[in-house]
Amino acid sequence: MTIEKLSQTKLRVYISEADMKQWKLKPEMLTYNSPEAQMLFNDVIIKAREECGFICDGSNVVIEAIPDAEKGLKVMLTVVSDKLSKEAEEVDDNPLKEQKRIVLRLDDIEDVMSVCSHLLAIYHGQSHLFKYMGSYYIVLQTSEIQYNSIYDMGEIVDDPDMFYGYLNEYADVIVRNDFLKAKRPA
């Protein structure tokens, strides 16, 4: 099992075939509230607390299970509490709207290709691809993106405008301007 904390309220978990066998769980059992699925998610939440400080005490958790051919099962856990819901109503619901760009960090070129296929369907703006210290960075202009669609694609870099300048100075430029356009079918 691999756990990635995407934010204070969101986790991405990959559950392998071996994990599924350990919990005696079949993918179709996740579509309803089976005792096996409850045990699995309780274990995931406990492990997430231990490994990355993820806390969801007293809150509802929305769980999305998505089959992943390479890693088994991708599970997105999002904490939804009354307090968070009220704050979201009071404040603009998208912190990315104030930013000029978004920078996604990805581990390898396979992740870049996977994210690319998703971005082609939802994004039509300017894009860049950089490589720095073994990671890949996709830079997107925020005015052109559907915000909710990118949160589970990769790690969103804090202070993207400053980091974009850093990438321009120190990273290897793989494709500048229209990175996705190069991937788009003619």
N, C-alpha and C. Protein backbone atom coordinates (compact mmCIF):
# COMPACT_ATOMS: atom_id res chain seq x y z
N MET A 1 0.84 -1.17 0.00
CA MET A 1 0.00 0.00 0.00
C MET A 1 0.89 1.24 0.00
N THR A 2 0.54 2.16 -0.87
CA THR A 2 1.26 3.42 -0.95
C THR A 2 0.30 4.55 -0.62
N ILE A 3 0.71 5.44 0.29
CA ILE A 3 -0.15 6.54 0.71
C ILE A 3 0.54 7.86 0.39
N GLU A 4 -0.18 8.76 -0.27
CA GLU A 4 0.33 10.09 -0.58
C GLU A 4 -0.65 11.12 -0.02
N LYS A 5 -0.16 12.02 0.81
CA LYS A 5 -1.00 13.09 1.34
C LYS A 5 -0.94 14.24 0.34
N LEU A 6 -2.07 14.52 -0.30
CA LEU A 6 -2.13 15.59 -1.30
C LEU A 6 -2.42 16.94 -0.68
N SER A 7 -3.16 16.93 0.42
CA SER A 7 -3.47 18.16 1.15
C SER A 7 -3.93 17.75 2.55
N GLN A 8 -4.33 18.73 3.35
CA GLN A 8 -4.81 18.44 4.71
C GLN A 8 -6.07 17.60 4.68
N THR A 9 -6.81 17.64 3.57
CA THR A 9 -8.08 16.94 3.51
C THR A 9 -8.15 15.88 2.42
N LYS A 10 -7.04 15.59 1.76
CA LYS A 10 -7.10 14.66 0.64
C LYS A 10 -5.91 13.70 0.63
N LEU A 11 -6.21 12.41 0.44
CA LEU A 11 -5.20 11.36 0.34
C LEU A 11 -5.37 10.62 -0.97
N ARG A 12 -4.26 10.18 -1.54
CA ARG A 12 -4.29 9.24 -2.66
C ARG A 12 -3.60 7.98 -2.16
N VAL A 13 -4.29 6.85 -2.30
CA VAL A 13 -3.78 5.57 -1.80
C VAL A 13 -3.80 4.58 -2.96
N TYR A 14 -2.69 3.88 -3.13
CA TYR A 14 -2.65 2.79 -4.09
C TYR A 14 -2.64 1.49 -3.31
N ILE A 15 -3.61 0.62 -3.63
CA ILE A 15 -3.74 -0.67 -2.96
C ILE A 15 -3.40 -1.75 -3.98
N SER A 16 -2.38 -2.53 -3.68
CA SER A 16 -1.91 -3.55 -4.61
C SER A 16 -2.81 -4.79 -4.56
N GLU A 17 -2.58 -5.68 -5.52
CA GLU A 17 -3.30 -6.96 -5.54
C GLU A 17 -3.04 -7.73 -4.24
N ALA A 18 -1.79 -7.70 -3.76
CA ALA A 18 -1.44 -8.39 -2.51
C ALA A 18 -2.22 -7.82 -1.33
N ASP A 19 -2.37 -6.49 -1.29
CA ASP A 19 -3.16 -5.86 -0.22
C ASP A 19 -4.61 -6.32 -0.29
N MET A 20 -5.15 -6.39 -1.51
CA MET A 20 -6.53 -6.82 -1.69
C MET A 20 -6.72 -8.25 -1.16
N LYS A 21 -5.76 -9.12 -1.46
CA LYS A 21 -5.84 -10.50 -0.98
C LYS A 21 -5.73 -10.55 0.55
N GLN A 22 -4.84 -9.72 1.11
CA GLN A 22 -4.66 -9.69 2.56
C GLN A 22 -5.97 -9.34 3.27
N TRP A 23 -6.73 -8.41 2.71
CA TRP A 23 -8.00 -7.99 3.32
C TRP A 23 -9.19 -8.81 2.82
N LYS A 24 -8.89 -9.82 1.97
CA LYS A 24 -9.95 -10.67 1.40
C LYS A 24 -11.03 -9.80 0.75
N LEU A 25 -10.56 -8.89 -0.08
CA LEU A 25 -11.42 -7.87 -0.67
C LEU A 25 -11.40 -7.97 -2.18
N LYS A 26 -12.55 -7.87 -2.79
CA LYS A 26 -12.66 -7.82 -4.24
C LYS A 26 -13.09 -6.41 -4.62
N PRO A 27 -12.66 -5.91 -5.78
CA PRO A 27 -13.00 -4.52 -6.15
C PRO A 27 -14.49 -4.21 -6.08
N GLU A 28 -15.33 -5.16 -6.45
CA GLU A 28 -16.78 -4.89 -6.43
C GLU A 28 -17.32 -4.71 -5.01
N MET A 29 -16.57 -5.18 -4.00
CA MET A 29 -17.00 -5.02 -2.61
C MET A 29 -16.88 -3.57 -2.15
N LEU A 30 -16.14 -2.77 -2.90
CA LEU A 30 -15.96 -1.37 -2.52
C LEU A 30 -17.15 -0.51 -2.94
N THR A 31 -18.06 -1.06 -3.72
CA THR A 31 -19.20 -0.27 -4.17
C THR A 31 -20.29 -0.17 -3.12
N TYR A 32 -20.19 -0.96 -2.08
CA TYR A 32 -21.13 -0.84 -0.98
C TYR A 32 -20.35 -0.93 0.32
N ASN A 33 -21.00 -0.69 1.40
CA ASN A 33 -20.34 -0.55 2.69
C ASN A 33 -20.14 -1.91 3.37
N SER A 34 -19.32 -2.77 2.77
CA SER A 34 -19.09 -4.10 3.32
C SER A 34 -18.18 -4.00 4.55
N PRO A 35 -18.25 -4.98 5.46
CA PRO A 35 -17.36 -4.98 6.62
C PRO A 35 -15.88 -5.03 6.22
N GLU A 36 -15.58 -5.78 5.13
CA GLU A 36 -14.19 -5.86 4.66
C GLU A 36 -13.70 -4.50 4.18
N ALA A 37 -14.54 -3.80 3.43
CA ALA A 37 -14.17 -2.47 2.94
C ALA A 37 -13.98 -1.50 4.10
N GLN A 38 -14.85 -1.58 5.11
CA GLN A 38 -14.71 -0.71 6.29
C GLN A 38 -13.38 -0.97 7.00
N MET A 39 -13.03 -2.25 7.15
CA MET A 39 -11.75 -2.59 7.80
C MET A 39 -10.58 -2.04 7.00
N LEU A 40 -10.64 -2.20 5.67
CA LEU A 40 -9.58 -1.69 4.81
C LEU A 40 -9.42 -0.19 4.98
N PHE A 41 -10.52 0.57 4.90
CA PHE A 41 -10.42 2.01 4.99
C PHE A 41 -10.01 2.48 6.38
N ASN A 42 -10.45 1.77 7.41
CA ASN A 42 -9.97 2.09 8.77
C ASN A 42 -8.47 1.90 8.87
N ASP A 43 -7.96 0.79 8.32
CA ASP A 43 -6.52 0.54 8.32
C ASP A 43 -5.77 1.61 7.53
N VAL A 44 -6.33 2.01 6.38
CA VAL A 44 -5.71 3.05 5.55
C VAL A 44 -5.62 4.36 6.33
N ILE A 45 -6.70 4.73 7.01
CA ILE A 45 -6.72 6.00 7.75
C ILE A 45 -5.74 5.96 8.93
N ILE A 46 -5.65 4.82 9.61
CA ILE A 46 -4.69 4.69 10.71
C ILE A 46 -3.26 4.79 10.19
N LYS A 47 -2.99 4.08 9.10
CA LYS A 47 -1.64 4.13 8.51
C LYS A 47 -1.31 5.54 8.01
N ALA A 48 -2.30 6.23 7.43
CA ALA A 48 -2.08 7.59 6.94
C ALA A 48 -1.78 8.54 8.09
N ARG A 49 -2.43 8.34 9.22
CA ARG A 49 -2.16 9.18 10.39
C ARG A 49 -0.72 8.96 10.86
N GLU A 50 -0.29 7.69 10.91
CA GLU A 50 1.06 7.36 11.38
C GLU A 50 2.13 7.87 10.42
N GLU A 51 1.91 7.69 9.11
CA GLU A 51 2.93 8.01 8.12
C GLU A 51 3.01 9.49 7.76
N CYS A 52 1.85 10.15 7.68
CA CYS A 52 1.89 11.53 7.17
C CYS A 52 1.01 12.51 7.93
N GLY A 53 0.53 12.13 9.11
CA GLY A 53 -0.21 13.07 9.94
C GLY A 53 -1.60 13.41 9.43
N PHE A 54 -2.19 12.55 8.63
CA PHE A 54 -3.52 12.78 8.09
C PHE A 54 -4.55 12.54 9.18
N ILE A 55 -5.39 13.54 9.45
CA ILE A 55 -6.37 13.45 10.54
C ILE A 55 -7.76 13.69 9.98
N CYS A 56 -8.69 12.80 10.35
CA CYS A 56 -10.07 12.98 9.89
C CYS A 56 -11.06 12.68 11.01
N ASP A 57 -10.63 12.84 12.26
CA ASP A 57 -11.49 12.56 13.42
C ASP A 57 -12.77 13.37 13.36
N GLY A 58 -13.90 12.68 13.54
CA GLY A 58 -15.19 13.36 13.60
C GLY A 58 -15.68 13.92 12.29
N SER A 59 -15.06 13.55 11.19
CA SER A 59 -15.45 14.08 9.89
C SER A 59 -15.94 12.97 8.98
N ASN A 60 -16.75 13.34 8.03
CA ASN A 60 -17.14 12.39 6.99
C ASN A 60 -15.99 12.28 5.99
N VAL A 61 -15.84 11.10 5.41
CA VAL A 61 -14.80 10.88 4.42
C VAL A 61 -15.46 10.36 3.14
N VAL A 62 -15.23 11.06 2.04
CA VAL A 62 -15.71 10.62 0.74
C VAL A 62 -14.61 9.74 0.15
N ILE A 63 -14.99 8.55 -0.32
CA ILE A 63 -14.02 7.59 -0.84
C ILE A 63 -14.35 7.28 -2.29
N GLU A 64 -13.35 7.46 -3.16
CA GLU A 64 -13.48 7.11 -4.57
C GLU A 64 -12.47 6.02 -4.86
N ALA A 65 -12.92 4.88 -5.35
CA ALA A 65 -12.03 3.78 -5.72
C ALA A 65 -11.99 3.68 -7.24
N ILE A 66 -10.79 3.73 -7.80
CA ILE A 66 -10.62 3.74 -9.25
C ILE A 66 -9.61 2.66 -9.61
N PRO A 67 -9.99 1.68 -10.45
CA PRO A 67 -9.01 0.65 -10.85
C PRO A 67 -7.83 1.29 -11.57
N ASP A 68 -6.63 0.79 -11.29
CA ASP A 68 -5.41 1.26 -11.92
C ASP A 68 -4.66 0.02 -12.42
N ALA A 69 -4.48 -0.08 -13.73
CA ALA A 69 -3.89 -1.28 -14.33
C ALA A 69 -2.50 -1.58 -13.79
N GLU A 70 -1.72 -0.55 -13.50
CA GLU A 70 -0.34 -0.75 -13.06
C GLU A 70 -0.21 -0.95 -11.56
N LYS A 71 -0.98 -0.22 -10.77
CA LYS A 71 -0.77 -0.21 -9.32
C LYS A 71 -1.88 -0.90 -8.54
N GLY A 72 -2.86 -1.49 -9.20
CA GLY A 72 -3.93 -2.17 -8.50
C GLY A 72 -5.19 -1.33 -8.42
N LEU A 73 -5.34 -0.63 -7.31
CA LEU A 73 -6.53 0.17 -7.08
C LEU A 73 -6.10 1.53 -6.53
N LYS A 74 -6.55 2.61 -7.19
CA LYS A 74 -6.28 3.96 -6.68
C LYS A 74 -7.50 4.39 -5.89
N VAL A 75 -7.27 4.81 -4.65
CA VAL A 75 -8.36 5.25 -3.79
C VAL A 75 -8.09 6.69 -3.37
N MET A 76 -9.06 7.56 -3.63
CA MET A 76 -8.97 8.95 -3.21
C MET A 76 -9.87 9.11 -1.98
N LEU A 77 -9.30 9.62 -0.89
CA LEU A 77 -10.06 9.89 0.33
C LEU A 77 -10.08 11.39 0.55
N THR A 78 -11.26 11.95 0.69
CA THR A 78 -11.42 13.38 0.91
C THR A 78 -12.24 13.59 2.17
N VAL A 79 -11.67 14.34 3.11
CA VAL A 79 -12.37 14.64 4.36
C VAL A 79 -13.34 15.78 4.11
N VAL A 80 -14.58 15.59 4.53
CA VAL A 80 -15.60 16.61 4.40
C VAL A 80 -16.21 16.81 5.78
N SER A 81 -16.02 17.98 6.34
CA SER A 81 -16.61 18.26 7.65
C SER A 81 -17.52 19.46 7.53
N ASP A 82 -18.42 19.61 8.49
CA ASP A 82 -19.32 20.75 8.49
C ASP A 82 -18.53 22.05 8.51
N LYS A 83 -17.46 22.08 9.31
CA LYS A 83 -16.64 23.28 9.43
C LYS A 83 -16.02 23.63 8.08
N LEU A 84 -15.46 22.62 7.40
CA LEU A 84 -14.85 22.87 6.10
C LEU A 84 -15.89 23.31 5.08
N SER A 85 -17.07 22.71 5.13
CA SER A 85 -18.12 23.09 4.19
C SER A 85 -18.53 24.54 4.39
N LYS A 86 -18.67 24.97 5.65
CA LYS A 86 -19.04 26.36 5.93
C LYS A 86 -17.95 27.32 5.49
N GLU A 87 -16.68 26.95 5.74
CA GLU A 87 -15.57 27.82 5.31
C GLU A 87 -15.53 27.93 3.80
N ALA A 88 -15.81 26.84 3.11
CA ALA A 88 -15.80 26.86 1.65
C ALA A 88 -16.89 27.78 1.11
N GLU A 89 -18.03 27.83 1.79
CA GLU A 89 -19.09 28.72 1.35
C GLU A 89 -18.72 30.18 1.57
N GLU A 90 -18.01 30.45 2.67
CA GLU A 90 -17.65 31.82 3.02
C GLU A 90 -16.51 32.36 2.17
N VAL A 91 -15.60 31.49 1.79
CA VAL A 91 -14.40 31.88 1.05
C VAL A 91 -14.52 31.33 -0.37
N ASP A 92 -13.92 32.02 -1.32
CA ASP A 92 -13.89 31.50 -2.68
C ASP A 92 -13.37 30.08 -2.62
N ASP A 93 -14.05 29.15 -3.25
CA ASP A 93 -13.74 27.74 -3.10
C ASP A 93 -12.49 27.28 -3.83
N ASN A 94 -11.78 28.15 -4.48
CA ASN A 94 -10.60 27.71 -5.20
C ASN A 94 -9.40 28.59 -4.95
N PRO A 95 -8.46 28.12 -4.13
CA PRO A 95 -7.28 28.93 -3.82
C PRO A 95 -6.38 29.13 -5.03
N LEU A 96 -6.53 28.32 -6.07
CA LEU A 96 -5.66 28.45 -7.23
C LEU A 96 -6.05 29.63 -8.12
N LYS A 97 -7.25 30.18 -7.95
CA LYS A 97 -7.69 31.25 -8.83
C LYS A 97 -6.82 32.49 -8.72
N GLU A 98 -6.18 32.70 -7.59
CA GLU A 98 -5.33 33.87 -7.40
C GLU A 98 -3.96 33.69 -8.06
N GLN A 99 -3.62 32.49 -8.44
CA GLN A 99 -2.31 32.22 -9.01
C GLN A 99 -2.34 32.34 -10.52
N LYS A 100 -1.19 32.69 -11.09
CA LYS A 100 -1.09 32.80 -12.53
C LYS A 100 -0.90 31.44 -13.17
N ARG A 101 -0.29 30.53 -12.43
CA ARG A 101 0.01 29.22 -13.00
C ARG A 101 -0.04 28.14 -11.93
N ILE A 102 -0.04 26.92 -12.40
CA ILE A 102 0.02 25.74 -11.54
C ILE A 102 1.23 24.94 -11.98
N VAL A 103 1.98 24.43 -11.01
CA VAL A 103 3.12 23.57 -11.30
C VAL A 103 2.83 22.20 -10.68
N LEU A 104 2.81 21.18 -11.52
CA LEU A 104 2.62 19.80 -11.06
C LEU A 104 3.96 19.09 -11.06
N ARG A 105 4.30 18.45 -9.93
CA ARG A 105 5.52 17.65 -9.85
C ARG A 105 5.17 16.18 -10.04
N LEU A 106 5.90 15.52 -10.93
CA LEU A 106 5.67 14.10 -11.23
C LEU A 106 6.99 13.35 -11.09
N ASP A 107 6.89 12.09 -10.69
CA ASP A 107 8.08 11.30 -10.40
C ASP A 107 8.84 10.82 -11.63
N ASP A 108 8.12 10.42 -12.67
CA ASP A 108 8.81 9.85 -13.83
C ASP A 108 8.07 10.16 -15.12
N ILE A 109 8.69 9.81 -16.22
CA ILE A 109 8.14 10.15 -17.54
C ILE A 109 6.83 9.41 -17.79
N GLU A 110 6.66 8.22 -17.22
CA GLU A 110 5.39 7.50 -17.37
C GLU A 110 4.26 8.28 -16.73
N ASP A 111 4.51 8.88 -15.56
CA ASP A 111 3.50 9.73 -14.92
C ASP A 111 3.18 10.94 -15.80
N VAL A 112 4.21 11.51 -16.42
CA VAL A 112 4.01 12.66 -17.31
C VAL A 112 3.08 12.27 -18.46
N MET A 113 3.32 11.10 -19.06
CA MET A 113 2.51 10.66 -20.19
C MET A 113 1.06 10.40 -19.75
N SER A 114 0.90 9.82 -18.58
CA SER A 114 -0.44 9.55 -18.06
C SER A 114 -1.20 10.86 -17.80
N VAL A 115 -0.54 11.80 -17.13
CA VAL A 115 -1.17 13.10 -16.85
C VAL A 115 -1.47 13.82 -18.15
N CYS A 116 -0.57 13.69 -19.10
CA CYS A 116 -0.76 14.33 -20.41
C CYS A 116 -2.07 13.89 -21.05
N SER A 117 -2.34 12.59 -21.00
CA SER A 117 -3.55 12.09 -21.64
C SER A 117 -4.80 12.69 -20.98
N HIS A 118 -4.76 12.90 -19.67
CA HIS A 118 -5.89 13.52 -18.99
C HIS A 118 -5.98 15.02 -19.31
N LEU A 119 -4.84 15.69 -19.32
CA LEU A 119 -4.84 17.13 -19.56
C LEU A 119 -5.30 17.49 -20.97
N LEU A 120 -5.02 16.63 -21.93
CA LEU A 120 -5.43 16.90 -23.30
C LEU A 120 -6.93 17.10 -23.42
N ALA A 121 -7.69 16.42 -22.56
CA ALA A 121 -9.15 16.51 -22.62
C ALA A 121 -9.70 17.76 -21.93
N ILE A 122 -8.93 18.35 -21.01
CA ILE A 122 -9.50 19.43 -20.19
C ILE A 122 -8.73 20.75 -20.27
N TYR A 123 -7.59 20.77 -20.92
CA TYR A 123 -6.75 21.96 -20.89
C TYR A 123 -6.30 22.33 -22.30
N HIS A 124 -6.43 23.62 -22.63
CA HIS A 124 -6.05 24.07 -23.98
C HIS A 124 -5.13 25.28 -23.95
N GLY A 125 -4.55 25.58 -22.82
CA GLY A 125 -3.69 26.75 -22.70
C GLY A 125 -2.21 26.43 -22.86
N GLN A 126 -1.41 27.40 -22.49
CA GLN A 126 0.04 27.29 -22.59
C GLN A 126 0.55 26.29 -21.55
N SER A 127 1.57 25.51 -21.94
CA SER A 127 2.12 24.52 -21.03
C SER A 127 3.62 24.35 -21.29
N HIS A 128 4.34 23.99 -20.23
CA HIS A 128 5.78 23.79 -20.31
C HIS A 128 6.12 22.49 -19.58
N LEU A 129 7.21 21.84 -19.98
CA LEU A 129 7.69 20.65 -19.29
C LEU A 129 9.16 20.85 -18.94
N PHE A 130 9.48 20.67 -17.66
CA PHE A 130 10.84 20.80 -17.15
C PHE A 130 11.25 19.51 -16.45
N LYS A 131 12.56 19.32 -16.33
CA LYS A 131 13.09 18.23 -15.51
C LYS A 131 14.12 18.84 -14.55
N TYR A 132 13.97 18.51 -13.26
CA TYR A 132 14.89 19.04 -12.26
C TYR A 132 15.07 18.01 -11.16
N MET A 133 16.32 17.65 -10.91
CA MET A 133 16.69 16.72 -9.84
C MET A 133 15.85 15.44 -9.87
N GLY A 134 15.69 14.86 -11.05
CA GLY A 134 15.01 13.58 -11.20
C GLY A 134 13.49 13.64 -11.28
N SER A 135 12.90 14.80 -11.06
CA SER A 135 11.45 14.94 -11.15
C SER A 135 11.08 15.75 -12.38
N TYR A 136 9.86 15.56 -12.84
CA TYR A 136 9.34 16.30 -13.98
C TYR A 136 8.32 17.31 -13.47
N TYR A 137 8.28 18.46 -14.12
CA TYR A 137 7.36 19.53 -13.72
C TYR A 137 6.59 20.00 -14.94
N ILE A 138 5.26 19.95 -14.84
CA ILE A 138 4.39 20.49 -15.88
C ILE A 138 3.85 21.82 -15.36
N VAL A 139 4.01 22.87 -16.15
CA VAL A 139 3.55 24.20 -15.76
C VAL A 139 2.36 24.56 -16.65
N LEU A 140 1.25 24.95 -16.00
CA LEU A 140 0.02 25.31 -16.71
C LEU A 140 -0.42 26.70 -16.28
N GLN A 141 -1.05 27.44 -17.20
CA GLN A 141 -1.64 28.74 -16.85
C GLN A 141 -2.99 28.48 -16.20
N THR A 142 -3.25 29.06 -15.04
CA THR A 142 -4.48 28.75 -14.30
C THR A 142 -5.73 29.28 -14.96
N SER A 143 -5.64 30.32 -15.75
CA SER A 143 -6.84 30.87 -16.37
C SER A 143 -7.45 29.89 -17.38
N GLU A 144 -6.71 28.88 -17.74
CA GLU A 144 -7.17 27.94 -18.77
C GLU A 144 -7.53 26.56 -18.22
N ILE A 145 -7.49 26.37 -16.91
CA ILE A 145 -7.66 25.02 -16.36
C ILE A 145 -8.94 24.91 -15.55
N GLN A 146 -9.55 23.75 -15.58
CA GLN A 146 -10.66 23.43 -14.70
C GLN A 146 -10.04 22.96 -13.39
N TYR A 147 -10.12 23.79 -12.37
CA TYR A 147 -9.36 23.60 -11.15
C TYR A 147 -9.57 22.25 -10.48
N ASN A 148 -10.79 21.81 -10.35
CA ASN A 148 -11.07 20.58 -9.61
C ASN A 148 -10.50 19.35 -10.28
N SER A 149 -10.17 19.45 -11.55
CA SER A 149 -9.74 18.28 -12.30
C SER A 149 -8.26 17.95 -12.15
N ILE A 150 -7.47 18.79 -11.50
CA ILE A 150 -6.02 18.53 -11.46
C ILE A 150 -5.50 18.06 -10.11
N TYR A 151 -6.32 18.09 -9.07
CA TYR A 151 -5.82 17.80 -7.73
C TYR A 151 -5.23 16.41 -7.57
N ASP A 152 -5.71 15.42 -8.31
CA ASP A 152 -5.19 14.07 -8.12
C ASP A 152 -4.21 13.65 -9.21
N MET A 153 -3.77 14.59 -10.03
CA MET A 153 -2.85 14.25 -11.12
C MET A 153 -1.39 14.20 -10.68
N GLY A 154 -1.03 14.98 -9.70
CA GLY A 154 0.35 15.02 -9.24
C GLY A 154 0.43 15.95 -8.05
N GLU A 155 1.62 16.11 -7.54
CA GLU A 155 1.82 17.02 -6.40
C GLU A 155 1.79 18.45 -6.92
N ILE A 156 0.92 19.27 -6.36
CA ILE A 156 0.86 20.68 -6.74
C ILE A 156 1.89 21.43 -5.92
N VAL A 157 2.80 22.10 -6.59
CA VAL A 157 3.91 22.79 -5.94
C VAL A 157 3.42 24.07 -5.28
N ASP A 158 3.85 24.31 -4.03
CA ASP A 158 3.54 25.56 -3.34
C ASP A 158 4.27 26.71 -4.02
N ASP A 159 3.69 27.88 -4.00
CA ASP A 159 4.25 29.10 -4.58
C ASP A 159 4.71 28.86 -6.03
N PRO A 160 3.76 28.50 -6.90
CA PRO A 160 4.13 28.11 -8.26
C PRO A 160 4.77 29.22 -9.09
N ASP A 161 4.40 30.47 -8.85
CA ASP A 161 4.99 31.54 -9.65
C ASP A 161 6.48 31.67 -9.35
N MET A 162 6.85 31.59 -8.08
CA MET A 162 8.26 31.64 -7.70
C MET A 162 8.98 30.39 -8.22
N PHE A 163 8.35 29.23 -8.09
CA PHE A 163 8.98 27.99 -8.50
C PHE A 163 9.17 27.94 -10.02
N TYR A 164 8.23 28.52 -10.76
CA TYR A 164 8.36 28.59 -12.22
C TYR A 164 9.62 29.39 -12.59
N GLY A 165 9.85 30.49 -11.90
CA GLY A 165 11.07 31.25 -12.13
C GLY A 165 12.32 30.43 -11.81
N TYR A 166 12.25 29.66 -10.73
CA TYR A 166 13.36 28.79 -10.34
C TYR A 166 13.62 27.73 -11.42
N LEU A 167 12.54 27.14 -11.92
CA LEU A 167 12.69 26.14 -12.98
C LEU A 167 13.33 26.76 -14.23
N ASN A 168 12.90 27.97 -14.58
CA ASN A 168 13.48 28.64 -15.74
C ASN A 168 14.98 28.85 -15.58
N GLU A 169 15.41 29.08 -14.35
CA GLU A 169 16.82 29.35 -14.08
C GLU A 169 17.67 28.08 -13.99
N TYR A 170 17.15 27.04 -13.32
CA TYR A 170 17.99 25.90 -12.95
C TYR A 170 17.60 24.56 -13.58
N ALA A 171 16.40 24.41 -14.07
CA ALA A 171 15.95 23.10 -14.57
C ALA A 171 16.28 22.93 -16.05
N ASP A 172 16.26 21.69 -16.49
CA ASP A 172 16.38 21.39 -17.91
C ASP A 172 15.01 21.59 -18.55
N VAL A 173 14.97 22.37 -19.63
CA VAL A 173 13.72 22.59 -20.34
C VAL A 173 13.55 21.44 -21.32
N ILE A 174 12.49 20.68 -21.15
CA ILE A 174 12.21 19.59 -22.08
C ILE A 174 11.39 20.15 -23.25
N VAL A 175 10.28 20.84 -22.94
CA VAL A 175 9.47 21.51 -23.96
C VAL A 175 9.01 22.84 -23.37
N ARG A 176 9.34 23.93 -24.04
CA ARG A 176 8.87 25.24 -23.62
C ARG A 176 7.73 25.64 -24.55
N ASN A 177 6.69 26.21 -23.96
CA ASN A 177 5.53 26.66 -24.72
C ASN A 177 4.86 25.51 -25.47
N ASP A 178 3.63 25.34 -25.22
CA ASP A 178 2.81 24.37 -25.95
C ASP A 178 3.28 22.93 -25.85
N PHE A 179 3.72 22.53 -24.66
CA PHE A 179 4.10 21.14 -24.41
C PHE A 179 2.96 20.20 -24.79
N LEU A 180 1.74 20.52 -24.35
CA LEU A 180 0.60 19.66 -24.65
C LEU A 180 0.19 19.72 -26.12
N LYS A 181 0.43 20.86 -26.74
CA LYS A 181 0.08 20.99 -28.15
C LYS A 181 0.88 19.98 -28.98
N ALA A 182 2.11 19.74 -28.57
CA ALA A 182 2.95 18.76 -29.26
C ALA A 182 2.38 17.36 -29.13
N LYS A 183 1.62 17.09 -28.06
CA LYS A 183 1.03 15.78 -27.81
C LYS A 183 -0.36 15.64 -28.42
N ARG A 184 -0.99 16.78 -28.81
CA ARG A 184 -2.36 16.77 -29.31
C ARG A 184 -2.41 16.19 -30.73
N PRO A 185 -3.36 15.28 -30.99
CA PRO A 185 -3.47 14.76 -32.37
C PRO A 185 -3.87 15.86 -33.35
N ALA A 186 -3.34 15.79 -34.53
CA ALA A 186 -3.62 16.82 -35.55
C ALA A 186 -5.01 16.72 -36.10
